[in-house]
Amino acid sequence: MPPADASAEPGTAPDGGSTGVEDTLDLRLTEELLAVIAEERGSGAARAHAPSELLGDPGAWPAVRTTAGEFALLPVRPERDLPVLSRWMNDPAVAAFWELSGPESVTADHLRPQLEGDGRSIPCLGVLDGTPMSYWEIYRADLDPLARHYPARPHDTGIHLLIGGVRNRGRGVGTTLIRAVADLVLDNLPRCGRVVAEPDLRNTPSVSAFLGAGFRFSAEVDLPDKRAALMIRDRTYRDQL
């Protein structure tokens, strides 16, 4: 159960100290990667894989217009995305909560069970105006170990995320994209009545981002690796919050 690290402030560690991260260390994506992603989004090649019986195919969910730009989910392909994801995981502001810093093999080992599993968790790149800038995991919370720690309902769907580029942190982008992804889940998974998340309680920017995105704070839960804030967005109230 990796944490939902929505919008950790650049240069801020969990204890409030500096991580030494500077904006100049933001990810510089290659033109080749951007071209491949643009081609896949345009041609539908990213949707060549079989949809999950549990979660469908987030790669087929339509792009959405947000105040931050046009946003879409793109299922992870390690041969294309591993260097990018590993670099994000080695950003101290991300590593403080995800705990996946190290060589690319560490990130690959984290992705493998999802990519080779039964489809109960799908790792995705978040692409904003054509540029990959975030990582998302869409997962069946009712089939996850998290369900042992709260009164789960059938088809509860969870999200984990991190914002990869420091220029997109601390200015409301996380809140905007959390709302967009929660709406995508509810729009494309009609049997899902609630979207849930469990950010680390220490990660106050993340908790605030979920609150701003229409989630409600449900409870504090003690998970094996952290004390978390259980955040819930109800389908019933999505138009009011």
C-alpha atoms as a PDB file:
ATOM      1  CA  MET A   1       0.000   0.000   0.000  1.00  0.00           C
ATOM      2  CA  PRO A   2       2.192   2.871  -1.180  1.00  0.00           C
ATOM      3  CA  PRO A   3       1.173   6.300   0.065  1.00  0.00           C
ATOM      4  CA  ALA A   4      -0.866   8.829  -1.836  1.00  0.00           C
ATOM      5  CA  ASP A   5       1.669  11.638  -2.174  1.00  0.00           C
ATOM      6  CA  ALA A   6      -0.429  14.236  -3.911  1.00  0.00           C
ATOM      7  CA  SER A   7       1.451  17.471  -3.569  1.00  0.00           C
ATOM      8  CA  ALA A   8       4.466  17.346  -1.285  1.00  0.00           C
ATOM      9  CA  GLU A   9       6.012  20.793  -1.294  1.00  0.00           C
ATOM     10  CA  PRO A  10       9.332  20.895  -3.122  1.00  0.00           C
ATOM     11  CA  GLY A  11      12.233  21.068  -0.719  1.00  0.00           C
ATOM     12  CA  THR A  12      10.137  19.985   2.290  1.00  0.00           C
ATOM     13  CA  ALA A  13      10.757  16.801   4.245  1.00  0.00           C
ATOM     14  CA  PRO A  14       8.198  15.140   6.561  1.00  0.00           C
ATOM     15  CA  ASP A  15       9.822  16.782   9.590  1.00  0.00           C
ATOM     16  CA  GLY A  16       9.663  20.217   7.968  1.00  0.00           C
ATOM     17  CA  GLY A  17      13.365  20.330   7.089  1.00  0.00           C
ATOM     18  CA  SER A  18      14.930  20.845   3.702  1.00  0.00           C
ATOM     19  CA  THR A  19      15.454  17.958   1.335  1.00  0.00           C
ATOM     20  CA  GLY A  20      17.865  19.882  -0.834  1.00  0.00           C
ATOM     21  CA  VAL A  21      15.634  19.589  -3.896  1.00  0.00           C
ATOM     22  CA  GLU A  22      15.770  22.583  -6.219  1.00  0.00           C
ATOM     23  CA  ASP A  23      13.466  23.538  -9.062  1.00  0.00           C
ATOM     24  CA  THR A  24      16.433  23.263 -11.432  1.00  0.00           C
ATOM     25  CA  LEU A  25      16.403  19.499 -10.832  1.00  0.00           C
ATOM     26  CA  ASP A  26      12.984  19.149 -12.441  1.00  0.00           C
ATOM     27  CA  LEU A  27      12.695  16.286 -14.910  1.00  0.00           C
ATOM     28  CA  ARG A  28      13.836  17.011 -18.465  1.00  0.00           C
ATOM     29  CA  LEU A  29      11.971  14.577 -20.691  1.00  0.00           C
ATOM     30  CA  THR A  30      13.469  13.608 -23.996  1.00  0.00           C
ATOM     31  CA  GLU A  31      11.844  14.657 -27.235  1.00  0.00           C
ATOM     32  CA  GLU A  32      11.763  10.975 -28.175  1.00  0.00           C
ATOM     33  CA  LEU A  33       9.664  10.039 -25.147  1.00  0.00           C
ATOM     34  CA  LEU A  34       7.250  12.887 -25.715  1.00  0.00           C
ATOM     35  CA  ALA A  35       6.893  11.925 -29.372  1.00  0.00           C
ATOM     36  CA  VAL A  36       6.157   8.282 -28.516  1.00  0.00           C
ATOM     37  CA  ILE A  37       3.523   9.249 -25.968  1.00  0.00           C
ATOM     38  CA  ALA A  38       1.866  11.701 -28.368  1.00  0.00           C
ATOM     39  CA  GLU A  39       1.770   9.040 -31.065  1.00  0.00           C
ATOM     40  CA  GLU A  40       0.278   6.453 -28.721  1.00  0.00           C
ATOM     41  CA  ARG A  41      -2.405   8.822 -27.464  1.00  0.00           C
ATOM     42  CA  GLY A  42      -3.305   9.707 -31.037  1.00  0.00           C
ATOM     43  CA  SER A  43      -3.265   6.210 -32.517  1.00  0.00           C
ATOM     44  CA  GLY A  44      -4.734   4.204 -29.649  1.00  0.00           C
ATOM     45  CA  ALA A  45      -1.616   2.021 -29.418  1.00  0.00           C
ATOM     46  CA  ALA A  46      -1.565   2.541 -25.656  1.00  0.00           C
ATOM     47  CA  ARG A  47      -4.854   0.634 -25.483  1.00  0.00           C
ATOM     48  CA  ALA A  48      -3.587  -2.483 -27.233  1.00  0.00           C
ATOM     49  CA  HIS A  49      -3.409  -4.407 -23.967  1.00  0.00           C
ATOM     50  CA  ALA A  50      -6.401  -6.317 -22.615  1.00  0.00           C
ATOM     51  CA  PRO A  51      -8.600  -4.332 -20.206  1.00  0.00           C
ATOM     52  CA  SER A  52      -8.657  -5.455 -16.600  1.00  0.00           C
ATOM     53  CA  GLU A  53     -11.843  -7.281 -15.595  1.00  0.00           C
ATOM     54  CA  LEU A  54     -11.666  -5.453 -12.277  1.00  0.00           C
ATOM     55  CA  LEU A  55     -10.857  -1.903 -13.370  1.00  0.00           C
ATOM     56  CA  GLY A  56     -11.394  -1.717 -17.105  1.00  0.00           C
ATOM     57  CA  ASP A  57      -8.793   0.187 -19.110  1.00  0.00           C
ATOM     58  CA  PRO A  58      -7.751   3.618 -17.795  1.00  0.00           C
ATOM     59  CA  GLY A  59      -5.811   4.103 -21.024  1.00  0.00           C
ATOM     60  CA  ALA A  60      -9.138   4.185 -22.862  1.00  0.00           C
ATOM     61  CA  TRP A  61     -10.662   6.768 -20.536  1.00  0.00           C
ATOM     62  CA  PRO A  62     -10.989  10.083 -22.372  1.00  0.00           C
ATOM     63  CA  ALA A  63      -8.667  12.981 -21.748  1.00  0.00           C
ATOM     64  CA  VAL A  64     -10.235  15.736 -19.655  1.00  0.00           C
ATOM     65  CA  ARG A  65      -9.877  19.490 -19.736  1.00  0.00           C
ATOM     66  CA  THR A  66      -8.846  20.962 -16.398  1.00  0.00           C
ATOM     67  CA  THR A  67      -7.772  24.410 -15.260  1.00  0.00           C
ATOM     68  CA  ALA A  68      -4.203  23.066 -15.367  1.00  0.00           C
ATOM     69  CA  GLY A  69      -4.496  21.793 -18.960  1.00  0.00           C
ATOM     70  CA  GLU A  70      -5.594  18.667 -20.792  1.00  0.00           C
ATOM     71  CA  PHE A  71      -4.979  15.599 -18.652  1.00  0.00           C
ATOM     72  CA  ALA A  72      -4.981  11.903 -19.493  1.00  0.00           C
ATOM     73  CA  LEU A  73      -3.888   8.617 -17.933  1.00  0.00           C
ATOM     74  CA  LEU A  74      -1.495   6.362 -19.833  1.00  0.00           C
ATOM     75  CA  PRO A  75      -0.855   2.815 -18.544  1.00  0.00           C
ATOM     76  CA  VAL A  76       2.803   2.329 -17.618  1.00  0.00           C
ATOM     77  CA  ARG A  77       5.120   0.493 -19.992  1.00  0.00           C
ATOM     78  CA  PRO A  78       8.391  -0.250 -18.156  1.00  0.00           C
ATOM     79  CA  GLU A  79      10.507  -0.329 -21.314  1.00  0.00           C
ATOM     80  CA  ARG A  80       9.423   3.255 -21.981  1.00  0.00           C
ATOM     81  CA  ASP A  81       8.699   4.705 -18.554  1.00  0.00           C
ATOM     82  CA  LEU A  82      11.049   3.089 -16.015  1.00  0.00           C
ATOM     83  CA  PRO A  83      13.830   5.729 -16.230  1.00  0.00           C
ATOM     84  CA  VAL A  84      11.314   8.536 -15.717  1.00  0.00           C
ATOM     85  CA  LEU A  85       9.571   6.838 -12.794  1.00  0.00           C
ATOM     86  CA  SER A  86      12.839   5.877 -11.114  1.00  0.00           C
ATOM     87  CA  ARG A  87      14.068   9.450 -11.296  1.00  0.00           C
ATOM     88  CA  TRP A  88      10.879  10.680  -9.681  1.00  0.00           C
ATOM     89  CA  MET A  89      11.195   8.060  -6.940  1.00  0.00           C
ATOM     90  CA  ASN A  90      14.683   9.355  -6.170  1.00  0.00           C
ATOM     91  CA  ASP A  91      13.483  12.885  -5.564  1.00  0.00           C
ATOM     92  CA  PRO A  92      13.844  13.223  -1.751  1.00  0.00           C
ATOM     93  CA  ALA A  93      10.409  14.859  -1.438  1.00  0.00           C
ATOM     94  CA  VAL A  94       8.862  11.771  -3.062  1.00  0.00           C
ATOM     95  CA  ALA A  95      11.175   9.192  -1.475  1.00  0.00           C
ATOM     96  CA  ALA A  96      10.221  10.415   2.007  1.00  0.00           C
ATOM     97  CA  PHE A  97       6.760   8.889   1.537  1.00  0.00           C
ATOM     98  CA  TRP A  98       7.071   6.290  -1.230  1.00  0.00           C
ATOM     99  CA  GLU A  99      10.356   4.804   0.040  1.00  0.00           C
ATOM    100  CA  LEU A 100      11.337   3.557  -3.432  1.00  0.00           C
ATOM    101  CA  SER A 101      14.614   5.417  -3.944  1.00  0.00           C
ATOM    102  CA  GLY A 102      17.578   3.553  -5.386  1.00  0.00           C
ATOM    103  CA  PRO A 103      18.386   1.971  -8.748  1.00  0.00           C
ATOM    104  CA  GLU A 104      15.782   1.408 -11.437  1.00  0.00           C
ATOM    105  CA  SER A 105      15.377  -2.175 -10.239  1.00  0.00           C
ATOM    106  CA  VAL A 106      13.673  -0.900  -7.062  1.00  0.00           C
ATOM    107  CA  THR A 107      10.950   0.816  -9.076  1.00  0.00           C
ATOM    108  CA  ALA A 108      10.750  -2.165 -11.449  1.00  0.00           C
ATOM    109  CA  ASP A 109      10.167  -4.501  -8.496  1.00  0.00           C
ATOM    110  CA  HIS A 110       7.344  -2.241  -7.320  1.00  0.00           C
ATOM    111  CA  LEU A 111       5.682  -2.191 -10.744  1.00  0.00           C
ATOM    112  CA  ARG A 112       6.035  -5.905 -11.538  1.00  0.00           C
ATOM    113  CA  PRO A 113       3.291  -7.313  -9.249  1.00  0.00           C
ATOM    114  CA  GLN A 114       0.818  -4.807 -10.673  1.00  0.00           C
ATOM    115  CA  LEU A 115       1.745  -5.412 -14.304  1.00  0.00           C
ATOM    116  CA  GLU A 116       1.816  -9.199 -13.925  1.00  0.00           C
ATOM    117  CA  GLY A 117      -1.111  -9.468 -11.492  1.00  0.00           C
ATOM    118  CA  ASP A 118      -4.843  -9.913 -11.953  1.00  0.00           C
ATOM    119  CA  GLY A 119      -5.566  -6.277 -12.758  1.00  0.00           C
ATOM    120  CA  ARG A 120      -6.611  -5.159  -9.297  1.00  0.00           C
ATOM    121  CA  SER A 121      -4.042  -2.334  -9.494  1.00  0.00           C
ATOM    122  CA  ILE A 122      -3.070  -0.466 -12.663  1.00  0.00           C
ATOM    123  CA  PRO A 123      -0.026   1.865 -12.713  1.00  0.00           C
ATOM    124  CA  CYS A 124      -0.342   4.889 -14.989  1.00  0.00           C
ATOM    125  CA  LEU A 125       1.520   7.977 -16.086  1.00  0.00           C
ATOM    126  CA  GLY A 126      -0.382  11.224 -15.736  1.00  0.00           C
ATOM    127  CA  VAL A 127       0.110  13.257 -18.914  1.00  0.00           C
ATOM    128  CA  LEU A 128      -0.650  16.992 -18.756  1.00  0.00           C
ATOM    129  CA  ASP A 129      -0.731  18.849 -22.068  1.00  0.00           C
ATOM    130  CA  GLY A 130       1.277  16.042 -23.626  1.00  0.00           C
ATOM    131  CA  THR A 131       3.965  15.902 -20.925  1.00  0.00           C
ATOM    132  CA  PRO A 132       4.251  13.081 -18.349  1.00  0.00           C
ATOM    133  CA  MET A 133       4.321  14.769 -14.932  1.00  0.00           C
ATOM    134  CA  SER A 134       2.760  12.391 -12.416  1.00  0.00           C
ATOM    135  CA  TYR A 135       2.395   8.736 -11.475  1.00  0.00           C
ATOM    136  CA  TRP A 136      -0.923   7.137 -10.485  1.00  0.00           C
ATOM    137  CA  GLU A 137      -2.079   3.764  -9.249  1.00  0.00           C
ATOM    138  CA  ILE A 138      -5.759   2.983  -9.721  1.00  0.00           C
ATOM    139  CA  TYR A 139      -6.606   0.013  -7.494  1.00  0.00           C
ATOM    140  CA  ARG A 140      -9.533  -1.948  -6.115  1.00  0.00           C
ATOM    141  CA  ALA A 141      -9.487  -0.875  -2.481  1.00  0.00           C
ATOM    142  CA  ASP A 142     -12.004  -3.561  -1.500  1.00  0.00           C
ATOM    143  CA  LEU A 143      -9.539  -6.225  -2.729  1.00  0.00           C
ATOM    144  CA  ASP A 144      -6.465  -4.543  -1.243  1.00  0.00           C
ATOM    145  CA  PRO A 145      -4.944  -5.117   2.212  1.00  0.00           C
ATOM    146  CA  LEU A 146      -6.333  -1.657   3.017  1.00  0.00           C
ATOM    147  CA  ALA A 147      -9.788  -3.275   3.264  1.00  0.00           C
ATOM    148  CA  ARG A 148      -8.713  -4.922   6.531  1.00  0.00           C
ATOM    149  CA  HIS A 149      -8.441  -1.494   8.121  1.00  0.00           C
ATOM    150  CA  TYR A 150     -11.729   0.197   7.225  1.00  0.00           C
ATOM    151  CA  PRO A 151     -15.343  -0.851   6.456  1.00  0.00           C
ATOM    152  CA  ALA A 152     -14.808  -1.396   2.738  1.00  0.00           C
ATOM    153  CA  ARG A 153     -17.692  -1.637   0.298  1.00  0.00           C
ATOM    154  CA  PRO A 154     -17.746  -3.698  -2.910  1.00  0.00           C
ATOM    155  CA  HIS A 155     -16.052  -1.886  -5.802  1.00  0.00           C
ATOM    156  CA  ASP A 156     -14.419   0.796  -3.652  1.00  0.00           C
ATOM    157  CA  THR A 157     -11.635   2.119  -5.878  1.00  0.00           C
ATOM    158  CA  GLY A 158      -8.474   3.717  -4.532  1.00  0.00           C
ATOM    159  CA  ILE A 159      -5.860   6.066  -5.920  1.00  0.00           C
ATOM    160  CA  HIS A 160      -2.193   6.591  -5.105  1.00  0.00           C
ATOM    161  CA  LEU A 161      -0.234   9.346  -6.766  1.00  0.00           C
ATOM    162  CA  LEU A 162       2.861  11.444  -6.866  1.00  0.00           C
ATOM    163  CA  ILE A 163       3.618  14.650  -8.722  1.00  0.00           C
ATOM    164  CA  GLY A 164       6.911  14.106 -10.511  1.00  0.00           C
ATOM    165  CA  GLY A 165       7.988  17.594 -11.526  1.00  0.00           C
ATOM    166  CA  VAL A 166       8.658  20.121  -8.786  1.00  0.00           C
ATOM    167  CA  ARG A 167       7.253  22.971 -10.884  1.00  0.00           C
ATOM    168  CA  ASN A 168       3.814  21.324 -10.580  1.00  0.00           C
ATOM    169  CA  ARG A 169       3.862  21.100  -6.794  1.00  0.00           C
ATOM    170  CA  GLY A 170       2.532  23.573  -4.278  1.00  0.00           C
ATOM    171  CA  ARG A 171       0.288  25.516  -6.687  1.00  0.00           C
ATOM    172  CA  GLY A 172      -2.945  23.534  -6.697  1.00  0.00           C
ATOM    173  CA  VAL A 173      -2.193  21.192  -9.608  1.00  0.00           C
ATOM    174  CA  GLY A 174      -2.414  18.136  -7.341  1.00  0.00           C
ATOM    175  CA  THR A 175      -5.876  19.131  -6.134  1.00  0.00           C
ATOM    176  CA  THR A 176      -7.079  19.731  -9.697  1.00  0.00           C
ATOM    177  CA  LEU A 177      -5.795  16.398 -10.967  1.00  0.00           C
ATOM    178  CA  ILE A 178      -7.066  14.394  -7.991  1.00  0.00           C
ATOM    179  CA  ARG A 179     -10.558  15.681  -8.706  1.00  0.00           C
ATOM    180  CA  ALA A 180     -10.135  14.888 -12.415  1.00  0.00           C
ATOM    181  CA  VAL A 181      -8.984  11.315 -11.758  1.00  0.00           C
ATOM    182  CA  ALA A 182     -11.700  10.704  -9.164  1.00  0.00           C
ATOM    183  CA  ASP A 183     -14.258  11.883 -11.729  1.00  0.00           C
ATOM    184  CA  LEU A 184     -12.727   9.584 -14.360  1.00  0.00           C
ATOM    185  CA  VAL A 185     -13.053   6.648 -11.967  1.00  0.00           C
ATOM    186  CA  LEU A 186     -16.687   7.415 -11.193  1.00  0.00           C
ATOM    187  CA  ASP A 187     -17.544   8.077 -14.837  1.00  0.00           C
ATOM    188  CA  ASN A 188     -15.935   4.893 -16.155  1.00  0.00           C
ATOM    189  CA  LEU A 189     -16.567   2.443 -13.314  1.00  0.00           C
ATOM    190  CA  PRO A 190     -20.336   2.674 -12.753  1.00  0.00           C
ATOM    191  CA  ARG A 191     -20.320   0.049  -9.990  1.00  0.00           C
ATOM    192  CA  CYS A 192     -17.875   2.103  -7.932  1.00  0.00           C
ATOM    193  CA  GLY A 193     -19.719   4.143  -5.319  1.00  0.00           C
ATOM    194  CA  ARG A 194     -16.675   5.624  -3.586  1.00  0.00           C
ATOM    195  CA  VAL A 195     -13.131   6.664  -4.433  1.00  0.00           C
ATOM    196  CA  VAL A 196     -10.760   6.294  -1.486  1.00  0.00           C
ATOM    197  CA  ALA A 197      -7.206   7.301  -0.619  1.00  0.00           C
ATOM    198  CA  GLU A 198      -4.942   6.896   2.403  1.00  0.00           C
ATOM    199  CA  PRO A 199      -2.214   9.550   2.449  1.00  0.00           C
ATOM    200  CA  ASP A 200       0.269   9.602   5.292  1.00  0.00           C
ATOM    201  CA  LEU A 201      -1.027  11.853   8.077  1.00  0.00           C
ATOM    202  CA  ARG A 202       2.352  13.605   8.119  1.00  0.00           C
ATOM    203  CA  ASN A 203       1.850  14.654   4.517  1.00  0.00           C
ATOM    204  CA  THR A 204      -0.394  17.611   5.224  1.00  0.00           C
ATOM    205  CA  PRO A 205      -0.168  19.056   1.672  1.00  0.00           C
ATOM    206  CA  SER A 206      -1.477  15.739   0.340  1.00  0.00           C
ATOM    207  CA  VAL A 207      -4.332  15.579   2.832  1.00  0.00           C
ATOM    208  CA  SER A 208      -5.247  19.177   1.993  1.00  0.00           C
ATOM    209  CA  ALA A 209      -5.183  18.382  -1.723  1.00  0.00           C
ATOM    210  CA  PHE A 210      -7.677  15.559  -1.257  1.00  0.00           C
ATOM    211  CA  LEU A 211      -9.954  17.764   0.831  1.00  0.00           C
ATOM    212  CA  GLY A 212      -9.832  20.418  -1.882  1.00  0.00           C
ATOM    213  CA  ALA A 213     -10.684  17.779  -4.481  1.00  0.00           C
ATOM    214  CA  GLY A 214     -14.004  16.895  -2.847  1.00  0.00           C
ATOM    215  CA  PHE A 215     -12.869  14.080  -0.559  1.00  0.00           C
ATOM    216  CA  ARG A 216     -13.920  13.962   3.070  1.00  0.00           C
ATOM    217  CA  PHE A 217     -11.741  12.922   5.971  1.00  0.00           C
ATOM    218  CA  SER A 218     -13.253   9.674   7.260  1.00  0.00           C
ATOM    219  CA  ALA A 219     -10.845   8.359   9.911  1.00  0.00           C
ATOM    220  CA  GLU A 220      -7.275   7.878  11.012  1.00  0.00           C
ATOM    221  CA  VAL A 221      -6.138   4.338  10.278  1.00  0.00           C
ATOM    222  CA  ASP A 222      -3.057   2.477  11.450  1.00  0.00           C
ATOM    223  CA  LEU A 223      -1.547   0.686   8.476  1.00  0.00           C
ATOM    224  CA  PRO A 224       1.541  -1.547   8.643  1.00  0.00           C
ATOM    225  CA  ASP A 225       3.845   1.179   7.329  1.00  0.00           C
ATOM    226  CA  LYS A 226       2.185   4.418   8.418  1.00  0.00           C
ATOM    227  CA  ARG A 227      -0.641   6.185  10.192  1.00  0.00           C
ATOM    228  CA  ALA A 228      -2.912   7.350   7.415  1.00  0.00           C
ATOM    229  CA  ALA A 229      -5.810   9.688   6.788  1.00  0.00           C
ATOM    230  CA  LEU A 230      -8.637   7.736   5.169  1.00  0.00           C
ATOM    231  CA  MET A 231     -10.106  10.046   2.536  1.00  0.00           C
ATOM    232  CA  ILE A 232     -13.370   9.230   0.722  1.00  0.00           C
ATOM    233  CA  ARG A 233     -15.159  10.824  -2.220  1.00  0.00           C
ATOM    234  CA  ASP A 234     -18.739   9.608  -2.463  1.00  0.00           C
ATOM    235  CA  ARG A 235     -20.488   9.305  -5.804  1.00  0.00           C
ATOM    236  CA  THR A 236     -23.670  10.578  -4.136  1.00  0.00           C
ATOM    237  CA  TYR A 237     -22.114  13.914  -3.235  1.00  0.00           C
ATOM    238  CA  ARG A 238     -19.733  14.427  -6.151  1.00  0.00           C
ATOM    239  CA  ASP A 239     -21.753  17.351  -7.509  1.00  0.00           C
ATOM    240  CA  GLN A 240     -21.928  19.077  -4.131  1.00  0.00           C
ATOM    241  CA  LEU A 241     -18.246  18.822  -3.154  1.00  0.00           C
END
